[in-house]
Protein backbone atom coordinates (compact mmCIF):
# COMPACT_ATOMS: atom_id res chain seq x y z
CA MET A 1 1.67 -2.22 35.97
CA THR A 2 5.56 0.27 35.53
CA VAL A 3 5.90 3.17 32.79
CA GLN A 4 9.43 1.83 30.79
CA PHE A 5 10.76 4.39 28.54
CA GLY A 6 11.65 2.73 25.19
CA LYS A 7 12.75 3.70 22.26
CA TYR A 8 9.90 4.78 20.73
CA GLY A 9 9.10 7.16 24.50
CA TYR A 10 6.85 5.83 27.51
CA TYR A 11 5.83 2.64 27.35
CA LEU A 12 3.96 1.12 30.08
CA LYS A 13 4.58 -2.48 31.02
CA CYS A 14 3.06 -5.72 32.92
CA GLY A 15 5.10 -7.58 34.80
CA ASP A 16 3.40 -10.81 34.89
CA CYS A 17 3.11 -11.85 30.28
CA GLY A 18 6.04 -8.50 30.07
CA GLY A 19 3.46 -7.11 27.31
CA ASN A 20 3.45 -3.64 26.86
CA THR A 21 1.36 -0.82 24.73
CA PRO A 22 2.51 2.63 24.62
CA ALA A 23 1.50 5.76 26.99
CA LYS A 24 -1.21 7.37 25.52
CA PRO A 25 -2.64 9.74 28.41
CA VAL A 26 -6.07 12.35 27.60
CA CYS A 27 -6.70 15.21 29.22
CA ALA A 28 -9.58 14.53 31.04
CA ALA A 29 -10.64 18.93 30.84
CA CYS A 30 -10.28 19.33 27.96
CA GLY A 31 -9.77 16.16 25.72
CA GLN A 32 -6.25 16.87 24.47
CA PRO A 33 -3.50 14.57 23.67
CA GLY A 34 -0.42 14.80 26.42
CA LYS A 35 2.82 15.00 27.00
CA VAL A 36 4.16 11.99 29.13
CA SER A 37 7.27 13.13 31.38
CA LYS A 38 9.61 12.16 35.08
CA ARG A 39 10.46 13.41 38.26
CA GLY A 40 11.51 10.13 40.70
CA LEU A 41 9.52 7.72 40.12
CA GLU A 42 6.00 9.86 39.52
CA PHE A 43 5.20 9.79 36.08
CA THR A 44 2.72 13.28 35.18
CA ALA A 45 1.14 14.74 31.68
CA THR A 46 0.93 17.43 29.99
CA CYS A 47 -1.85 18.92 27.38
CA ALA A 48 -1.13 21.22 24.78
CA GLY A 49 -4.29 23.02 27.18
CA GLY A 50 -1.91 24.13 29.99
CA HIS A 51 -3.70 20.65 32.02
CA THR A 52 -0.85 19.35 34.08
CA TRP A 53 -2.22 15.28 35.98
CA ALA A 54 -0.94 12.64 38.09
CA TYR A 55 -0.17 10.27 35.80
CA TRP A 56 1.08 6.90 37.13
CA THR A 57 3.77 6.45 39.87
CA ASN A 58 6.00 3.51 39.02
CA PRO A 59 6.54 1.32 43.03
CA ALA A 60 9.47 1.49 44.32
């Protein structure tokens, strides 16, 4: 699995079957939806409540 960016935003893509699903992180602390951001191979998510967490790291 890798995180990719497309026409509708970030999504998770399966390398085996080619299927995909939207990347919709939810904050474990407050339950609010998170917004994904990218830095290199690492993806983080931030919610409106101000919480930030590691969401995904793509393989090199």
